Amino acid sequence: MIASLRGTLISKTPTEIVLDVAGVGYGLSIPLSTFEKLGNVGTEVSLYTYLHVREDAMLLYGFFTDDERSLFRLLLSVTGIGPRMAQGILSGIPASDLRTYIVAGNTGALTTIPGIGRKLAERLVVELREKVSKTGPHGDGAPLASDPQGIVRNEALLALTSLGYNRATAERAIRLAVQELGEKAGILELLVKSALRHAGS
């Protein structure tokens, strides 16, 4: 079991990174909440990890905080939620807010998260309310990063297609997000979050 990794950040996108650990490059899928906290390429990064084993593949997921990883594991325990959907959910809402909505039984707020409909929101509350209330958060921080707009839009497109949206839907969502955000559309995290809302509408 790979519980954590520390190494040099070789490359990053909003959904994936490559981490050089003692000369070995590890590819990790990450939620947007983790991407927001990463430093620049070339810096040292420490991440909590979760290894998801399937018959045809072993997929490694990385998280900036133990709280993100804990919620990821809890989401996987819910009927109908796989790792990609869990990654998408954590990309659309801060971990602290997700915990609050589940414990409060706020299904209306949960349905505003991309990928969560009414039935799944109710299932999250029923199956996770007690578990979430027993596991407290371990802290959360979120510095933002910005890039030239062309690069930002391309990375946002990659993020949405990596989460399962087709290209046409992703491009439409990004256009709507750019209109909605105006000057703030140059901030990748805000653009992806806004685009996720539009893609799910």
N, C-alpha and C. Protein backbone atom coordinates (compact mmCIF):
# COMPACT_ATOMS: atom_id res chain seq x y z
N MET A 1 0.84 -1.19 0.00
CA MET A 1 0.00 0.00 0.00
C MET A 1 0.88 1.25 0.00
N ILE A 2 0.70 2.11 -0.99
CA ILE A 2 1.43 3.38 -1.05
C ILE A 2 0.60 4.42 -0.33
N ALA A 3 1.04 4.84 0.85
CA ALA A 3 0.25 5.76 1.68
C ALA A 3 0.56 7.22 1.43
N SER A 4 1.79 7.51 1.00
CA SER A 4 2.17 8.89 0.72
C SER A 4 3.40 8.90 -0.17
N LEU A 5 3.62 10.04 -0.83
CA LEU A 5 4.79 10.23 -1.68
C LEU A 5 5.35 11.63 -1.48
N ARG A 6 6.67 11.73 -1.51
CA ARG A 6 7.31 13.04 -1.48
C ARG A 6 8.35 13.07 -2.60
N GLY A 7 8.27 14.09 -3.43
CA GLY A 7 9.21 14.17 -4.54
C GLY A 7 9.10 15.49 -5.26
N THR A 8 9.75 15.57 -6.41
CA THR A 8 9.77 16.79 -7.20
C THR A 8 8.64 16.77 -8.22
N LEU A 9 7.91 17.87 -8.29
CA LEU A 9 6.81 17.99 -9.22
C LEU A 9 7.36 18.18 -10.64
N ILE A 10 7.10 17.20 -11.51
CA ILE A 10 7.64 17.23 -12.87
C ILE A 10 6.67 17.90 -13.85
N SER A 11 5.40 17.61 -13.70
CA SER A 11 4.38 18.24 -14.55
C SER A 11 3.06 18.23 -13.80
N LYS A 12 2.16 19.14 -14.20
CA LYS A 12 0.86 19.17 -13.53
C LYS A 12 -0.21 19.71 -14.47
N THR A 13 -1.41 19.15 -14.33
CA THR A 13 -2.63 19.67 -14.94
C THR A 13 -3.66 19.67 -13.82
N PRO A 14 -4.84 20.24 -14.04
CA PRO A 14 -5.84 20.25 -12.96
C PRO A 14 -6.30 18.87 -12.50
N THR A 15 -6.01 17.81 -13.28
CA THR A 15 -6.48 16.47 -12.89
C THR A 15 -5.37 15.45 -12.73
N GLU A 16 -4.14 15.76 -13.18
CA GLU A 16 -3.05 14.80 -13.10
C GLU A 16 -1.72 15.49 -12.86
N ILE A 17 -0.84 14.79 -12.16
CA ILE A 17 0.53 15.27 -11.98
C ILE A 17 1.50 14.11 -12.17
N VAL A 18 2.76 14.46 -12.39
CA VAL A 18 3.84 13.47 -12.37
C VAL A 18 4.81 13.91 -11.29
N LEU A 19 5.13 12.97 -10.39
CA LEU A 19 5.99 13.25 -9.26
C LEU A 19 7.24 12.37 -9.36
N ASP A 20 8.42 13.00 -9.35
CA ASP A 20 9.68 12.26 -9.40
C ASP A 20 10.09 11.93 -7.97
N VAL A 21 10.08 10.64 -7.65
CA VAL A 21 10.46 10.18 -6.32
C VAL A 21 11.69 9.29 -6.47
N ALA A 22 12.83 9.82 -6.10
CA ALA A 22 14.10 9.07 -6.19
C ALA A 22 14.33 8.50 -7.58
N GLY A 23 14.02 9.31 -8.60
CA GLY A 23 14.27 8.89 -9.97
C GLY A 23 13.15 8.13 -10.64
N VAL A 24 12.09 7.83 -9.90
CA VAL A 24 10.93 7.13 -10.47
C VAL A 24 9.78 8.13 -10.62
N GLY A 25 9.21 8.22 -11.82
CA GLY A 25 8.10 9.13 -12.06
C GLY A 25 6.77 8.49 -11.77
N TYR A 26 6.05 9.00 -10.80
CA TYR A 26 4.73 8.49 -10.45
C TYR A 26 3.65 9.39 -11.05
N GLY A 27 2.73 8.80 -11.80
CA GLY A 27 1.59 9.53 -12.31
C GLY A 27 0.44 9.43 -11.33
N LEU A 28 -0.09 10.55 -10.89
CA LEU A 28 -1.18 10.56 -9.93
C LEU A 28 -2.35 11.37 -10.47
N SER A 29 -3.54 10.84 -10.31
CA SER A 29 -4.75 11.61 -10.58
C SER A 29 -5.07 12.41 -9.32
N ILE A 30 -5.49 13.66 -9.49
CA ILE A 30 -5.74 14.52 -8.35
C ILE A 30 -7.07 15.26 -8.54
N PRO A 31 -7.73 15.64 -7.45
CA PRO A 31 -8.88 16.54 -7.56
C PRO A 31 -8.40 17.98 -7.69
N LEU A 32 -9.27 18.84 -8.16
CA LEU A 32 -8.91 20.25 -8.33
C LEU A 32 -8.52 20.88 -7.00
N SER A 33 -9.11 20.41 -5.91
CA SER A 33 -8.78 20.96 -4.59
C SER A 33 -7.30 20.76 -4.25
N THR A 34 -6.72 19.67 -4.73
CA THR A 34 -5.29 19.43 -4.52
C THR A 34 -4.46 20.27 -5.47
N PHE A 35 -4.89 20.37 -6.72
CA PHE A 35 -4.17 21.16 -7.71
C PHE A 35 -4.00 22.60 -7.24
N GLU A 36 -5.02 23.14 -6.60
CA GLU A 36 -5.00 24.53 -6.14
C GLU A 36 -3.86 24.79 -5.16
N LYS A 37 -3.43 23.74 -4.46
CA LYS A 37 -2.45 23.93 -3.39
C LYS A 37 -1.03 23.60 -3.82
N LEU A 38 -0.86 23.08 -5.04
CA LEU A 38 0.47 22.70 -5.50
C LEU A 38 1.31 23.93 -5.83
N GLY A 39 2.62 23.79 -5.66
CA GLY A 39 3.53 24.85 -6.05
C GLY A 39 3.86 24.74 -7.54
N ASN A 40 4.89 25.42 -7.95
CA ASN A 40 5.31 25.39 -9.35
C ASN A 40 6.03 24.09 -9.68
N VAL A 41 6.07 23.77 -10.97
CA VAL A 41 6.83 22.62 -11.43
C VAL A 41 8.28 22.80 -11.00
N GLY A 42 8.88 21.72 -10.48
CA GLY A 42 10.25 21.79 -9.99
C GLY A 42 10.36 21.90 -8.49
N THR A 43 9.24 22.18 -7.81
CA THR A 43 9.26 22.27 -6.36
C THR A 43 9.00 20.90 -5.73
N GLU A 44 9.34 20.78 -4.46
CA GLU A 44 9.10 19.51 -3.75
C GLU A 44 7.67 19.46 -3.24
N VAL A 45 7.04 18.31 -3.40
CA VAL A 45 5.63 18.14 -3.02
C VAL A 45 5.49 16.88 -2.18
N SER A 46 4.67 16.96 -1.14
CA SER A 46 4.31 15.79 -0.34
C SER A 46 2.80 15.57 -0.45
N LEU A 47 2.40 14.37 -0.83
CA LEU A 47 0.98 14.08 -1.01
C LEU A 47 0.59 12.78 -0.30
N TYR A 48 -0.61 12.77 0.24
CA TYR A 48 -1.22 11.53 0.68
C TYR A 48 -1.72 10.81 -0.56
N THR A 49 -1.69 9.49 -0.55
CA THR A 49 -2.08 8.76 -1.75
C THR A 49 -3.06 7.63 -1.46
N TYR A 50 -3.77 7.25 -2.51
CA TYR A 50 -4.68 6.11 -2.44
C TYR A 50 -4.49 5.30 -3.71
N LEU A 51 -4.22 4.01 -3.55
CA LEU A 51 -4.02 3.12 -4.69
C LEU A 51 -5.31 2.35 -4.96
N HIS A 52 -5.89 2.60 -6.12
CA HIS A 52 -7.13 1.92 -6.50
C HIS A 52 -6.78 0.78 -7.47
N VAL A 53 -7.07 -0.43 -7.06
CA VAL A 53 -6.71 -1.60 -7.86
C VAL A 53 -7.93 -2.16 -8.58
N ARG A 54 -7.79 -2.28 -9.92
CA ARG A 54 -8.82 -2.92 -10.73
C ARG A 54 -8.21 -4.14 -11.41
N GLU A 55 -9.05 -4.92 -12.07
CA GLU A 55 -8.54 -6.10 -12.76
C GLU A 55 -7.56 -5.71 -13.86
N ASP A 56 -7.80 -4.56 -14.51
CA ASP A 56 -6.99 -4.19 -15.67
C ASP A 56 -6.02 -3.05 -15.40
N ALA A 57 -6.00 -2.51 -14.19
CA ALA A 57 -5.12 -1.36 -13.94
C ALA A 57 -4.98 -1.09 -12.44
N MET A 58 -3.88 -0.41 -12.10
CA MET A 58 -3.68 0.13 -10.76
C MET A 58 -3.58 1.63 -10.90
N LEU A 59 -4.50 2.36 -10.27
CA LEU A 59 -4.59 3.80 -10.42
C LEU A 59 -4.21 4.48 -9.10
N LEU A 60 -3.30 5.43 -9.18
CA LEU A 60 -2.82 6.11 -7.99
C LEU A 60 -3.41 7.52 -7.93
N TYR A 61 -4.02 7.83 -6.80
CA TYR A 61 -4.63 9.14 -6.59
C TYR A 61 -3.86 9.89 -5.51
N GLY A 62 -3.69 11.20 -5.71
CA GLY A 62 -2.95 12.00 -4.75
C GLY A 62 -3.80 13.10 -4.15
N PHE A 63 -3.52 13.45 -2.88
CA PHE A 63 -4.31 14.44 -2.15
C PHE A 63 -3.39 15.29 -1.29
N PHE A 64 -3.64 16.59 -1.29
CA PHE A 64 -2.80 17.50 -0.52
C PHE A 64 -3.02 17.33 0.98
N THR A 65 -4.25 17.01 1.39
CA THR A 65 -4.54 16.81 2.81
C THR A 65 -5.10 15.42 3.06
N ASP A 66 -4.93 14.97 4.28
CA ASP A 66 -5.48 13.66 4.66
C ASP A 66 -7.01 13.70 4.66
N ASP A 67 -7.56 14.91 4.89
CA ASP A 67 -9.02 15.05 4.87
C ASP A 67 -9.58 14.76 3.47
N GLU A 68 -8.89 15.26 2.44
CA GLU A 68 -9.33 14.98 1.07
C GLU A 68 -9.31 13.47 0.80
N ARG A 69 -8.22 12.83 1.21
CA ARG A 69 -8.13 11.38 1.00
C ARG A 69 -9.20 10.64 1.78
N SER A 70 -9.45 11.06 3.00
CA SER A 70 -10.48 10.42 3.81
C SER A 70 -11.85 10.52 3.15
N LEU A 71 -12.18 11.71 2.64
CA LEU A 71 -13.46 11.89 1.96
C LEU A 71 -13.53 11.08 0.67
N PHE A 72 -12.42 11.00 -0.04
CA PHE A 72 -12.35 10.20 -1.26
C PHE A 72 -12.70 8.75 -0.95
N ARG A 73 -12.11 8.21 0.10
CA ARG A 73 -12.39 6.82 0.49
C ARG A 73 -13.86 6.65 0.87
N LEU A 74 -14.39 7.61 1.60
CA LEU A 74 -15.80 7.53 1.99
C LEU A 74 -16.71 7.57 0.76
N LEU A 75 -16.39 8.43 -0.19
CA LEU A 75 -17.19 8.51 -1.41
C LEU A 75 -17.18 7.20 -2.17
N LEU A 76 -16.03 6.52 -2.19
CA LEU A 76 -15.94 5.24 -2.90
C LEU A 76 -16.81 4.16 -2.25
N SER A 77 -17.13 4.35 -0.98
CA SER A 77 -17.95 3.36 -0.28
C SER A 77 -19.43 3.50 -0.62
N VAL A 78 -19.79 4.59 -1.31
CA VAL A 78 -21.19 4.83 -1.66
C VAL A 78 -21.53 4.09 -2.95
N THR A 79 -22.67 3.44 -2.96
CA THR A 79 -23.11 2.69 -4.12
C THR A 79 -23.18 3.59 -5.35
N GLY A 80 -22.52 3.17 -6.42
CA GLY A 80 -22.59 3.90 -7.67
C GLY A 80 -21.51 4.95 -7.87
N ILE A 81 -20.63 5.13 -6.88
CA ILE A 81 -19.56 6.12 -7.02
C ILE A 81 -18.22 5.41 -7.20
N GLY A 82 -17.57 5.66 -8.33
CA GLY A 82 -16.25 5.14 -8.60
C GLY A 82 -15.22 6.22 -8.38
N PRO A 83 -13.94 5.89 -8.59
CA PRO A 83 -12.87 6.87 -8.32
C PRO A 83 -12.96 8.12 -9.18
N ARG A 84 -13.34 7.98 -10.45
CA ARG A 84 -13.41 9.17 -11.30
C ARG A 84 -14.52 10.12 -10.83
N MET A 85 -15.67 9.57 -10.45
CA MET A 85 -16.74 10.42 -9.95
C MET A 85 -16.35 11.06 -8.62
N ALA A 86 -15.69 10.29 -7.76
CA ALA A 86 -15.25 10.84 -6.47
C ALA A 86 -14.25 11.98 -6.70
N GLN A 87 -13.37 11.79 -7.67
CA GLN A 87 -12.41 12.84 -8.03
C GLN A 87 -13.14 14.08 -8.52
N GLY A 88 -14.17 13.87 -9.34
CA GLY A 88 -14.95 14.98 -9.85
C GLY A 88 -15.71 15.73 -8.76
N ILE A 89 -16.25 14.99 -7.80
CA ILE A 89 -16.98 15.61 -6.70
C ILE A 89 -16.05 16.51 -5.88
N LEU A 90 -14.86 15.99 -5.55
CA LEU A 90 -13.91 16.78 -4.78
C LEU A 90 -13.35 17.94 -5.58
N SER A 91 -13.46 17.87 -6.92
CA SER A 91 -13.03 18.98 -7.76
C SER A 91 -14.06 20.11 -7.78
N GLY A 92 -15.29 19.78 -7.41
CA GLY A 92 -16.36 20.76 -7.52
C GLY A 92 -16.75 21.45 -6.23
N ILE A 93 -16.13 21.03 -5.10
CA ILE A 93 -16.52 21.61 -3.82
C ILE A 93 -15.40 21.41 -2.79
N PRO A 94 -15.15 22.40 -1.93
CA PRO A 94 -14.16 22.20 -0.87
C PRO A 94 -14.58 21.06 0.06
N ALA A 95 -13.59 20.33 0.56
CA ALA A 95 -13.87 19.19 1.43
C ALA A 95 -14.70 19.59 2.64
N SER A 96 -14.40 20.75 3.21
CA SER A 96 -15.12 21.19 4.41
C SER A 96 -16.61 21.41 4.11
N ASP A 97 -16.91 21.98 2.93
CA ASP A 97 -18.31 22.21 2.55
C ASP A 97 -19.03 20.89 2.31
N LEU A 98 -18.34 19.94 1.68
CA LEU A 98 -18.95 18.64 1.42
C LEU A 98 -19.32 17.96 2.72
N ARG A 99 -18.43 18.01 3.69
CA ARG A 99 -18.73 17.43 5.00
C ARG A 99 -19.95 18.11 5.63
N THR A 100 -19.98 19.42 5.57
CA THR A 100 -21.08 20.17 6.18
C THR A 100 -22.42 19.79 5.56
N TYR A 101 -22.47 19.71 4.23
CA TYR A 101 -23.72 19.40 3.53
C TYR A 101 -24.21 17.99 3.88
N ILE A 102 -23.26 17.05 3.95
CA ILE A 102 -23.65 15.66 4.24
C ILE A 102 -24.18 15.53 5.66
N VAL A 103 -23.45 16.09 6.61
CA VAL A 103 -23.87 16.00 8.01
C VAL A 103 -25.20 16.70 8.25
N ALA A 104 -25.40 17.85 7.57
CA ALA A 104 -26.64 18.61 7.72
C ALA A 104 -27.79 18.00 6.93
N GLY A 105 -27.50 17.02 6.07
CA GLY A 105 -28.55 16.43 5.25
C GLY A 105 -29.06 17.40 4.20
N ASN A 106 -28.20 18.31 3.75
CA ASN A 106 -28.59 19.35 2.80
C ASN A 106 -28.48 18.81 1.37
N THR A 107 -29.49 18.05 0.96
CA THR A 107 -29.45 17.45 -0.38
C THR A 107 -29.56 18.51 -1.48
N GLY A 108 -30.22 19.61 -1.19
CA GLY A 108 -30.32 20.68 -2.18
C GLY A 108 -28.96 21.24 -2.53
N ALA A 109 -28.13 21.47 -1.51
CA ALA A 109 -26.78 21.98 -1.76
C ALA A 109 -25.92 20.93 -2.46
N LEU A 110 -26.11 19.67 -2.10
CA LEU A 110 -25.32 18.60 -2.72
C LEU A 110 -25.61 18.49 -4.21
N THR A 111 -26.84 18.76 -4.62
CA THR A 111 -27.18 18.65 -6.05
C THR A 111 -26.58 19.77 -6.88
N THR A 112 -26.02 20.79 -6.24
CA THR A 112 -25.34 21.84 -7.00
C THR A 112 -23.92 21.42 -7.39
N ILE A 113 -23.45 20.30 -6.83
CA ILE A 113 -22.12 19.79 -7.17
C ILE A 113 -22.22 19.04 -8.49
N PRO A 114 -21.35 19.34 -9.47
CA PRO A 114 -21.40 18.64 -10.75
C PRO A 114 -21.36 17.12 -10.59
N GLY A 115 -22.29 16.43 -11.24
CA GLY A 115 -22.33 14.98 -11.20
C GLY A 115 -23.24 14.39 -10.15
N ILE A 116 -23.79 15.23 -9.26
CA ILE A 116 -24.66 14.73 -8.20
C ILE A 116 -26.11 15.14 -8.46
N GLY A 117 -26.96 14.14 -8.68
CA GLY A 117 -28.38 14.39 -8.83
C GLY A 117 -29.09 14.17 -7.51
N ARG A 118 -30.42 14.30 -7.55
CA ARG A 118 -31.20 14.18 -6.31
C ARG A 118 -31.04 12.82 -5.63
N LYS A 119 -31.13 11.74 -6.41
CA LYS A 119 -31.03 10.40 -5.82
C LYS A 119 -29.66 10.16 -5.20
N LEU A 120 -28.61 10.58 -5.90
CA LEU A 120 -27.26 10.38 -5.37
C LEU A 120 -27.04 11.25 -4.13
N ALA A 121 -27.58 12.45 -4.13
CA ALA A 121 -27.45 13.32 -2.96
C ALA A 121 -28.09 12.66 -1.74
N GLU A 122 -29.27 12.09 -1.94
CA GLU A 122 -29.95 11.41 -0.84
C GLU A 122 -29.15 10.19 -0.37
N ARG A 123 -28.52 9.48 -1.33
CA ARG A 123 -27.72 8.31 -0.98
C ARG A 123 -26.48 8.73 -0.18
N LEU A 124 -25.88 9.84 -0.57
CA LEU A 124 -24.71 10.34 0.17
C LEU A 124 -25.06 10.63 1.62
N VAL A 125 -26.21 11.26 1.83
CA VAL A 125 -26.63 11.59 3.19
C VAL A 125 -26.91 10.32 3.99
N VAL A 126 -27.64 9.39 3.39
CA VAL A 126 -28.03 8.17 4.09
C VAL A 126 -26.81 7.31 4.43
N GLU A 127 -25.90 7.15 3.46
CA GLU A 127 -24.79 6.23 3.64
C GLU A 127 -23.58 6.84 4.35
N LEU A 128 -23.44 8.18 4.30
CA LEU A 128 -22.23 8.79 4.83
C LEU A 128 -22.42 9.70 6.03
N ARG A 129 -23.64 10.05 6.32
CA ARG A 129 -23.86 11.05 7.39
C ARG A 129 -23.17 10.66 8.69
N GLU A 130 -23.40 9.43 9.12
CA GLU A 130 -22.82 8.98 10.39
C GLU A 130 -21.30 8.85 10.29
N LYS A 131 -20.81 8.33 9.15
CA LYS A 131 -19.37 8.16 8.97
C LYS A 131 -18.65 9.50 8.95
N VAL A 132 -19.22 10.48 8.23
CA VAL A 132 -18.59 11.78 8.12
C VAL A 132 -18.57 12.51 9.46
N SER A 133 -19.65 12.37 10.21
CA SER A 133 -19.72 13.06 11.50
C SER A 133 -18.70 12.51 12.49
N LYS A 134 -18.25 11.26 12.28
CA LYS A 134 -17.27 10.65 13.18
C LYS A 134 -15.84 10.97 12.79
N THR A 135 -15.63 11.44 11.56
CA THR A 135 -14.28 11.75 11.10
C THR A 135 -14.16 13.24 10.87
N GLY A 136 -13.40 13.92 11.68
CA GLY A 136 -13.28 15.36 11.56
C GLY A 136 -12.30 15.77 10.47
N PRO A 137 -12.41 17.00 9.99
CA PRO A 137 -11.49 17.50 8.97
C PRO A 137 -10.09 17.69 9.51
N HIS A 138 -9.11 17.63 8.62
CA HIS A 138 -7.71 17.76 9.01
C HIS A 138 -7.08 19.04 8.48
N GLY A 139 -7.91 20.00 8.12
CA GLY A 139 -7.37 21.27 7.67
C GLY A 139 -7.44 21.43 6.17
N ASP A 140 -7.54 22.65 5.71
CA ASP A 140 -7.70 22.94 4.29
C ASP A 140 -7.19 24.33 3.99
N GLY A 141 -6.41 24.50 2.92
CA GLY A 141 -5.95 25.81 2.49
C GLY A 141 -6.03 25.87 0.99
N ALA A 142 -6.13 27.05 0.39
CA ALA A 142 -6.35 27.10 -1.04
C ALA A 142 -5.77 28.33 -1.71
N PRO A 143 -4.46 28.40 -1.87
CA PRO A 143 -3.92 29.48 -2.68
C PRO A 143 -4.28 29.29 -4.14
N LEU A 144 -4.44 30.37 -4.86
CA LEU A 144 -4.81 30.29 -6.27
C LEU A 144 -3.63 30.62 -7.16
N ALA A 145 -3.66 30.09 -8.38
CA ALA A 145 -2.60 30.38 -9.35
C ALA A 145 -3.24 30.87 -10.63
N SER A 146 -2.49 31.68 -11.41
CA SER A 146 -3.02 32.16 -12.68
C SER A 146 -2.00 31.98 -13.78
N ASP A 147 -2.46 31.89 -15.04
CA ASP A 147 -1.62 31.70 -16.22
C ASP A 147 -2.20 32.53 -17.35
N PRO A 148 -1.46 32.70 -18.47
CA PRO A 148 -2.03 33.36 -19.63
C PRO A 148 -3.31 32.66 -20.07
N GLN A 149 -4.30 33.44 -20.54
CA GLN A 149 -5.63 32.88 -20.75
C GLN A 149 -5.70 31.73 -21.74
N GLY A 150 -4.89 31.77 -22.80
CA GLY A 150 -4.94 30.67 -23.75
C GLY A 150 -4.54 29.35 -23.11
N ILE A 151 -3.48 29.37 -22.31
CA ILE A 151 -3.02 28.17 -21.62
C ILE A 151 -4.06 27.74 -20.60
N VAL A 152 -4.63 28.71 -19.92
CA VAL A 152 -5.64 28.41 -18.90
C VAL A 152 -6.84 27.69 -19.51
N ARG A 153 -7.31 28.17 -20.65
CA ARG A 153 -8.48 27.54 -21.28
C ARG A 153 -8.17 26.13 -21.75
N ASN A 154 -6.96 25.93 -22.27
CA ASN A 154 -6.57 24.59 -22.72
C ASN A 154 -6.50 23.62 -21.54
N GLU A 155 -5.97 24.10 -20.41
CA GLU A 155 -5.87 23.23 -19.23
C GLU A 155 -7.26 22.96 -18.65
N ALA A 156 -8.13 23.95 -18.71
CA ALA A 156 -9.50 23.74 -18.25
C ALA A 156 -10.21 22.70 -19.14
N LEU A 157 -9.97 22.78 -20.45
CA LEU A 157 -10.56 21.81 -21.37
C LEU A 157 -10.06 20.41 -21.05
N LEU A 158 -8.75 20.28 -20.79
CA LEU A 158 -8.19 18.99 -20.43
C LEU A 158 -8.80 18.45 -19.14
N ALA A 159 -9.00 19.35 -18.19
CA ALA A 159 -9.58 18.94 -16.91
C ALA A 159 -10.98 18.36 -17.10
N LEU A 160 -11.82 19.04 -17.88
CA LEU A 160 -13.19 18.57 -18.07
C LEU A 160 -13.25 17.27 -18.86
N THR A 161 -12.44 17.17 -19.91
CA THR A 161 -12.46 15.92 -20.70
C THR A 161 -11.89 14.76 -19.89
N SER A 162 -10.93 15.04 -19.02
CA SER A 162 -10.36 13.99 -18.16
C SER A 162 -11.38 13.49 -17.15
N LEU A 163 -12.34 14.35 -16.81
CA LEU A 163 -13.38 13.96 -15.85
C LEU A 163 -14.58 13.32 -16.54
N GLY A 164 -14.48 13.11 -17.87
CA GLY A 164 -15.52 12.35 -18.56
C GLY A 164 -16.44 13.14 -19.46
N TYR A 165 -16.33 14.46 -19.50
CA TYR A 165 -17.18 15.26 -20.38
C TYR A 165 -16.64 15.21 -21.80
N ASN A 166 -17.55 15.15 -22.79
CA ASN A 166 -17.08 15.16 -24.17
C ASN A 166 -16.59 16.56 -24.53
N ARG A 167 -15.81 16.64 -25.62
CA ARG A 167 -15.14 17.89 -25.95
C ARG A 167 -16.13 19.02 -26.22
N ALA A 168 -17.21 18.71 -26.93
CA ALA A 168 -18.18 19.75 -27.27
C ALA A 168 -18.82 20.34 -26.01
N THR A 169 -19.19 19.47 -25.08
CA THR A 169 -19.79 19.92 -23.82
C THR A 169 -18.78 20.74 -23.02
N ALA A 170 -17.53 20.28 -22.99
CA ALA A 170 -16.49 20.98 -22.23
C ALA A 170 -16.22 22.36 -22.82
N GLU A 171 -16.13 22.44 -24.14
CA GLU A 171 -15.85 23.73 -24.78
C GLU A 171 -16.99 24.72 -24.54
N ARG A 172 -18.24 24.23 -24.64
CA ARG A 172 -19.39 25.09 -24.39
C ARG A 172 -19.36 25.59 -22.93
N ALA A 173 -19.07 24.69 -22.00
CA ALA A 173 -19.05 25.06 -20.59
C ALA A 173 -17.96 26.10 -20.31
N ILE A 174 -16.82 25.96 -20.97
CA ILE A 174 -15.73 26.90 -20.77
C ILE A 174 -16.08 28.28 -21.32
N ARG A 175 -16.74 28.29 -22.48
CA ARG A 175 -17.17 29.58 -23.05
C ARG A 175 -18.12 30.30 -22.10
N LEU A 176 -19.07 29.55 -21.55
CA LEU A 176 -20.03 30.15 -20.61
C LEU A 176 -19.31 30.62 -19.35
N ALA A 177 -18.32 29.85 -18.90
CA ALA A 177 -17.58 30.21 -17.70
C ALA A 177 -16.78 31.49 -17.93
N VAL A 178 -16.18 31.61 -19.11
CA VAL A 178 -15.41 32.82 -19.44
C VAL A 178 -16.33 34.05 -19.42
N GLN A 179 -17.53 33.90 -19.98
CA GLN A 179 -18.49 35.01 -19.98
C GLN A 179 -18.89 35.36 -18.55
N GLU A 180 -19.07 34.34 -17.73
CA GLU A 180 -19.51 34.56 -16.35
C GLU A 180 -18.42 35.22 -15.50
N LEU A 181 -17.17 34.82 -15.70
CA LEU A 181 -16.09 35.26 -14.82
C LEU A 181 -15.44 36.57 -15.26
N GLY A 182 -15.51 36.87 -16.55
CA GLY A 182 -14.87 38.10 -17.02
C GLY A 182 -13.37 38.07 -16.82
N GLU A 183 -12.82 39.07 -16.15
CA GLU A 183 -11.37 39.16 -15.94
C GLU A 183 -10.85 38.00 -15.10
N LYS A 184 -11.68 37.43 -14.26
CA LYS A 184 -11.24 36.33 -13.40
C LYS A 184 -11.11 35.01 -14.16
N ALA A 185 -11.49 35.00 -15.45
CA ALA A 185 -11.38 33.78 -16.25
C ALA A 185 -9.93 33.36 -16.46
N GLY A 186 -8.99 34.23 -16.13
CA GLY A 186 -7.57 33.88 -16.23
C GLY A 186 -7.08 33.06 -15.06
N ILE A 187 -7.93 32.85 -14.07
CA ILE A 187 -7.56 32.03 -12.91
C ILE A 187 -8.09 30.62 -13.15
N LEU A 188 -7.18 29.68 -13.35
CA LEU A 188 -7.55 28.33 -13.78
C LEU A 188 -8.56 27.66 -12.86
N GLU A 189 -8.34 27.74 -11.56
CA GLU A 189 -9.22 27.04 -10.63
C GLU A 189 -10.66 27.57 -10.71
N LEU A 190 -10.78 28.90 -10.80
CA LEU A 190 -12.12 29.50 -10.90
C LEU A 190 -12.77 29.12 -12.22
N LEU A 191 -11.98 29.10 -13.29
CA LEU A 191 -12.52 28.76 -14.60
C LEU A 191 -13.02 27.32 -14.62
N VAL A 192 -12.25 26.39 -14.07
CA VAL A 192 -12.65 24.98 -14.05
C VAL A 192 -13.89 24.78 -13.20
N LYS A 193 -13.94 25.42 -12.04
CA LYS A 193 -15.11 25.26 -11.16
C LYS A 193 -16.37 25.80 -11.83
N SER A 194 -16.25 26.96 -12.46
CA SER A 194 -17.40 27.53 -13.16
C SER A 194 -17.81 26.65 -14.32
N ALA A 195 -16.83 26.16 -15.08
CA ALA A 195 -17.12 25.31 -16.24
C ALA A 195 -17.78 24.01 -15.80
N LEU A 196 -17.37 23.47 -14.66
CA LEU A 196 -17.99 22.25 -14.14
C LEU A 196 -19.47 22.46 -13.84
N ARG A 197 -19.78 23.64 -13.30
CA ARG A 197 -21.19 23.93 -13.03
C ARG A 197 -21.99 23.99 -14.33
N HIS A 198 -21.44 24.64 -15.33
CA HIS A 198 -22.14 24.77 -16.62
C HIS A 198 -22.24 23.42 -17.34
N ALA A 199 -21.21 22.61 -17.22
CA ALA A 199 -21.22 21.31 -17.90
C ALA A 199 -22.27 20.38 -17.32
N GLY A 200 -22.55 20.57 -16.03
CA GLY A 200 -23.52 19.71 -15.37
C GLY A 200 -24.94 20.23 -15.45
N SER A 201 -25.13 21.42 -16.06
CA SER A 201 -26.47 22.01 -16.12
C SER A 201 -27.19 21.61 -17.39
